[in-house]
Structures are given as structure tokens and as C-alpha cells.
Amino acid sequence: MVGLIVGMGIGLVVLAAGAKMLAQHLQGHRWALQDSHLHHDLRSALDTMARELRQAQAVGQAWTTRTTPDCRDVFCATAADIQIRGQRIDFSRDKNQNAVLDNNECVGFRLKDKELQVRTACAPEVWTDLTDAGSLKMVDLQWKLHCERRGRWVARWISAQLSAEWPRDASRRLSLSQTVWLRNDVPATPWPAACGVLP
């Protein structure tokens, strides 16, 4: 009888240890899935921003408006130029290639209420959520514009960093960064306001 009780006690200890190991394994597996989901969603958001940014200040028939020493179109060196204000960036691009700034050609990105939003209209401004704070909480968005004179042109690229965390676990945070080269150089005269002091 004593042997039976001792055997059952040892069996319960082994069973408890096994259950604890299984619980730890399942928790680790769940965290790995969450981290993979977080990385995927964050990368997708960053890629969406990069795709739009590459087209910043694109204009239809650029060879007719950007061959002179200065910008002569509404997509260059005007209020529609690239502007960075804190966690927000605004720019324009000629989506329909008609060289006219239409109301749906003001683009931008910002963080608001822990969600990443995209701008889809000039005036009044219209912002649409790209992410949902209930499943992925965006906590930081940083921009830095770099400019380089190349003859009479200015080449530009943007460093972007986006950070997010799980809604119910602030310790589970991930940050991704990307450098985006803008495909559309602009004339160096006038020096783009967004580039800061003339080098």
C-alpha cells in the first residue's frame, strides 16, 4: 500500500512537470506566432508607405516642365512639396499623369490614436486607417529627409522607422526601418524648402 502511494506521488510529480513543460512550450509557440504576425503587419505597412513615397512629386510629361533650371509645375517647390511635421509626412504625386494637382493627389502618412493613416484627399483632408489598433498598436513613426545636389538636380531619399506593439502587451514591441529613394529628382533652383539649408 505504501509503495502504491509513493508510486502515485512520483507519478503526479512527473505529470505536473510534464504539464508545466507543455504549457511553457505552448506559450513560446504562441509568442513566436505573435512575433511573426507583428513583423509581417509592420513590414506590410512600411512597404505600403515606401511604395507611395517612391512616387513623391511625380508629374506627367516631366520633360516639358522640369527641363528648365527651376520647377514650373505644381508638384515641385510649392506647398505640395514634401513636408515632414513630427510623425506626419505630406507630399503629392500626379496619379493620372495630367500635370494638374487634383484633389485625390495629396498623399501623406501619420499616426493617430495608435493607428497608421494614409491621406487620400487635399481639401478637405481625408485620412483612412491602414492599421487597426485593436490588433496592432502603432507607437512611433519617424522620418528623415536627405538631399544631395547632383549638378542642377536634387536627389532625395527618406529614412523611415515604424514601431508597433501588441495591444495587450506593451513589452512585445518591434521596430523596422527602411530607406526609400525618391525616383523623381527636382531642380536645385529654387533649393527645395524641405531639404533645409542650401549646401
Protein backbone atom coordinates (compact mmCIF):
# COMPACT_ATOMS: atom_id res chain seq x y z
CA MET A 1 0.00 0.00 0.00
CA VAL A 2 2.81 2.40 0.89
CA GLY A 3 4.56 1.57 -2.36
CA LEU A 4 1.40 2.33 -4.28
CA ILE A 5 1.03 5.73 -2.61
CA VAL A 6 4.70 6.57 -3.22
CA GLY A 7 4.36 5.50 -6.85
CA MET A 8 1.27 7.64 -7.33
CA GLY A 9 3.05 10.61 -5.72
CA ILE A 10 6.02 10.24 -8.05
CA GLY A 11 3.65 9.87 -10.99
CA LEU A 12 1.82 13.08 -10.05
CA VAL A 13 5.13 14.97 -9.75
CA VAL A 14 6.21 13.75 -13.19
CA LEU A 15 2.80 14.61 -14.62
CA ALA A 16 2.92 18.12 -13.12
CA ALA A 17 6.43 18.69 -14.51
CA GLY A 18 5.31 17.49 -17.93
CA ALA A 19 2.26 19.73 -17.87
CA LYS A 20 4.43 22.73 -16.94
CA MET A 21 6.87 21.98 -19.76
CA LEU A 22 3.99 21.64 -22.20
CA ALA A 23 2.50 24.96 -21.04
CA GLN A 24 5.88 26.70 -21.47
CA HIS A 25 6.29 25.18 -24.91
CA LEU A 26 2.81 26.31 -25.98
CA GLN A 27 3.42 29.81 -24.61
CA GLY A 28 6.73 30.04 -26.50
CA HIS A 29 4.99 28.84 -29.66
CA ARG A 30 2.23 31.43 -29.20
CA TRP A 31 4.79 34.22 -28.71
CA ALA A 32 6.65 33.12 -31.84
CA LEU A 33 3.41 33.27 -33.84
CA GLN A 34 2.59 36.69 -32.40
CA ASP A 35 6.08 37.99 -33.22
CA SER A 36 5.76 36.65 -36.76
CA HIS A 37 2.35 38.33 -37.13
CA LEU A 38 3.71 41.60 -35.71
CA HIS A 39 6.70 41.55 -38.06
CA HIS A 40 4.53 40.74 -41.09
CA ASP A 41 2.00 43.52 -40.41
CA LEU A 42 4.71 46.06 -39.64
CA ARG A 43 6.63 45.16 -42.80
CA SER A 44 3.45 45.38 -44.87
CA ALA A 45 2.71 48.88 -43.51
CA LEU A 46 6.27 50.02 -44.17
CA ASP A 47 6.20 48.63 -47.71
CA THR A 48 2.92 50.46 -48.41
CA MET A 49 4.48 53.75 -47.31
CA ALA A 50 7.63 53.10 -49.34
CA ARG A 51 5.64 52.34 -52.49
CA GLU A 52 3.85 55.70 -52.29
CA LEU A 53 6.93 57.67 -51.24
CA ARG A 54 8.95 56.48 -54.23
CA GLN A 55 6.44 58.33 -56.45
CA ALA A 56 6.56 61.60 -54.48
CA GLN A 57 6.38 64.66 -56.71
CA ALA A 58 5.97 62.59 -59.87
CA VAL A 59 4.43 64.62 -62.68
CA GLY A 60 3.11 63.64 -66.09
CA GLN A 61 5.20 64.88 -69.03
CA ALA A 62 8.04 65.91 -66.72
CA TRP A 63 10.28 66.52 -69.75
CA THR A 64 8.18 69.60 -70.60
CA THR A 65 8.05 71.17 -67.11
CA ARG A 66 11.35 70.16 -65.49
CA THR A 67 13.85 70.85 -68.22
CA THR A 68 14.37 74.45 -67.12
CA PRO A 69 16.56 75.45 -64.15
CA ASP A 70 13.52 75.90 -61.92
CA CYS A 71 10.35 73.98 -61.13
CA ARG A 72 7.35 75.04 -63.18
CA ASP A 73 4.76 72.52 -62.08
CA VAL A 74 2.52 72.31 -59.01
CA PHE A 75 4.18 69.10 -57.85
CA CYS A 76 7.54 70.76 -57.28
CA ALA A 77 8.75 73.52 -54.93
CA THR A 78 5.28 74.60 -53.84
CA ALA A 79 3.01 73.91 -50.88
CA ALA A 80 2.63 70.42 -52.37
CA ASP A 81 6.34 69.79 -51.83
CA ILE A 82 7.37 67.19 -49.28
CA GLN A 83 6.66 68.32 -45.71
CA ILE A 84 7.63 66.48 -42.53
CA ARG A 85 5.94 67.56 -39.31
CA GLY A 86 6.65 65.28 -36.38
CA GLN A 87 5.18 61.85 -37.11
CA ARG A 88 3.46 63.10 -40.27
CA ILE A 89 4.65 63.39 -43.86
CA ASP A 90 2.79 65.05 -46.75
CA PHE A 91 3.59 65.04 -50.45
CA SER A 92 1.85 64.92 -53.82
CA ARG A 93 2.08 62.88 -56.98
CA ASP A 94 0.44 63.10 -60.38
CA LYS A 95 -1.55 59.85 -60.29
CA ASN A 96 -3.40 60.39 -63.57
CA GLN A 97 -0.45 61.98 -65.40
CA ASN A 98 -2.30 65.16 -66.40
CA ALA A 99 0.16 67.61 -64.77
CA VAL A 100 -2.70 69.10 -62.70
CA LEU A 101 -2.94 68.74 -58.91
CA ASP A 102 -6.29 67.02 -58.48
CA ASN A 103 -7.94 66.68 -55.09
CA ASN A 104 -7.03 62.99 -54.75
CA GLU A 105 -3.32 63.58 -55.43
CA CYS A 106 -2.30 64.83 -51.99
CA VAL A 107 -0.77 61.89 -50.18
CA GLY A 108 0.57 61.51 -46.67
CA PHE A 109 1.03 59.26 -43.69
CA ARG A 110 0.62 59.88 -39.98
CA LEU A 111 -0.01 58.21 -36.64
CA LYS A 112 -3.26 58.97 -34.88
CA ASP A 113 -4.80 57.10 -31.93
CA LYS A 114 -2.16 54.35 -32.28
CA GLU A 115 -3.14 53.69 -35.91
CA LEU A 116 -1.28 54.37 -39.14
CA GLN A 117 -3.33 56.51 -41.53
CA VAL A 118 -2.96 57.48 -45.19
CA ARG A 119 -4.12 60.79 -46.65
CA THR A 120 -6.34 60.44 -49.72
CA ALA A 121 -7.56 63.99 -50.43
CA CYS A 122 -6.19 67.53 -50.43
CA ALA A 123 -9.08 69.67 -49.19
CA PRO A 124 -10.79 68.85 -47.05
CA GLU A 125 -8.17 66.39 -45.85
CA VAL A 126 -9.36 62.79 -45.80
CA TRP A 127 -7.47 60.19 -43.77
CA THR A 128 -8.04 56.44 -43.91
CA ASP A 129 -6.81 53.87 -41.40
CA LEU A 130 -4.23 51.42 -42.70
CA THR A 131 -3.92 49.53 -39.42
CA ASP A 132 -6.24 48.61 -36.56
CA ALA A 133 -5.13 49.47 -33.01
CA GLY A 134 -7.16 46.53 -31.74
CA SER A 135 -4.81 44.05 -33.39
CA LEU A 136 -1.61 46.09 -33.77
CA LYS A 137 -0.82 49.26 -31.86
CA MET A 138 1.44 51.69 -33.74
CA VAL A 139 3.52 53.62 -31.21
CA ASP A 140 6.13 55.59 -33.16
CA LEU A 141 6.80 56.86 -36.67
CA GLN A 142 9.94 58.78 -37.58
CA TRP A 143 11.02 60.41 -40.83
CA LYS A 144 14.26 61.97 -42.03
CA LEU A 145 14.68 63.52 -45.46
CA HIS A 146 18.14 63.51 -47.05
CA CYS A 147 19.06 65.68 -50.03
CA GLU A 148 22.05 65.68 -52.37
CA ARG A 149 22.80 68.11 -55.16
CA ARG A 150 23.68 66.40 -58.44
CA GLY A 151 24.51 69.10 -60.91
CA ARG A 152 21.34 71.17 -61.33
CA TRP A 153 19.20 68.44 -59.77
CA VAL A 154 18.49 67.38 -56.20
CA ALA A 155 18.29 63.69 -55.39
CA ARG A 156 16.38 62.80 -52.22
CA TRP A 157 15.84 59.81 -50.01
CA ILE A 158 13.86 59.26 -46.84
CA SER A 159 14.74 57.18 -43.80
CA ALA A 160 11.56 55.87 -42.18
CA GLN A 161 11.19 53.96 -38.92
CA LEU A 162 7.93 52.45 -37.71
CA SER A 163 7.38 50.88 -34.29
CA ALA A 164 4.44 48.80 -33.05
CA GLU A 165 3.46 46.69 -30.05
CA TRP A 166 0.81 44.18 -29.11
CA PRO A 167 -2.34 45.89 -27.78
CA ARG A 168 -2.37 43.90 -24.55
CA ASP A 169 1.38 43.54 -24.01
CA ALA A 170 3.48 46.71 -24.27
CA SER A 171 6.64 44.69 -23.68
CA ARG A 172 6.18 42.98 -27.07
CA ARG A 173 7.46 45.78 -29.32
CA LEU A 174 9.11 45.72 -32.73
CA SER A 175 10.69 48.47 -34.83
CA LEU A 176 11.50 48.29 -38.53
CA SER A 177 13.26 50.87 -40.69
CA GLN A 178 13.65 51.38 -44.40
CA THR A 179 15.44 53.80 -46.72
CA VAL A 180 13.29 54.95 -49.63
CA TRP A 181 14.87 56.63 -52.65
CA LEU A 182 12.53 59.11 -54.33
CA ARG A 183 12.51 58.39 -58.05
CA ASN A 184 11.77 61.97 -59.06
CA ASP A 185 14.68 64.36 -58.72
CA VAL A 186 13.77 68.03 -58.66
CA PRO A 187 15.66 71.08 -59.94
CA ALA A 188 18.08 72.62 -57.46
CA THR A 189 16.69 76.10 -58.22
CA PRO A 190 14.98 77.04 -56.08
CA TRP A 191 16.54 74.80 -53.45
CA PRO A 192 13.67 72.61 -52.09
CA ALA A 193 12.35 74.01 -48.83
CA ALA A 194 12.01 70.51 -47.42
CA CYS A 195 15.76 69.98 -47.81
CA GLY A 196 16.66 72.66 -45.31
CA VAL A 197 19.64 74.99 -45.67
CA LEU A 198 21.22 75.32 -49.11
CA PRO A 199 24.51 73.35 -49.11
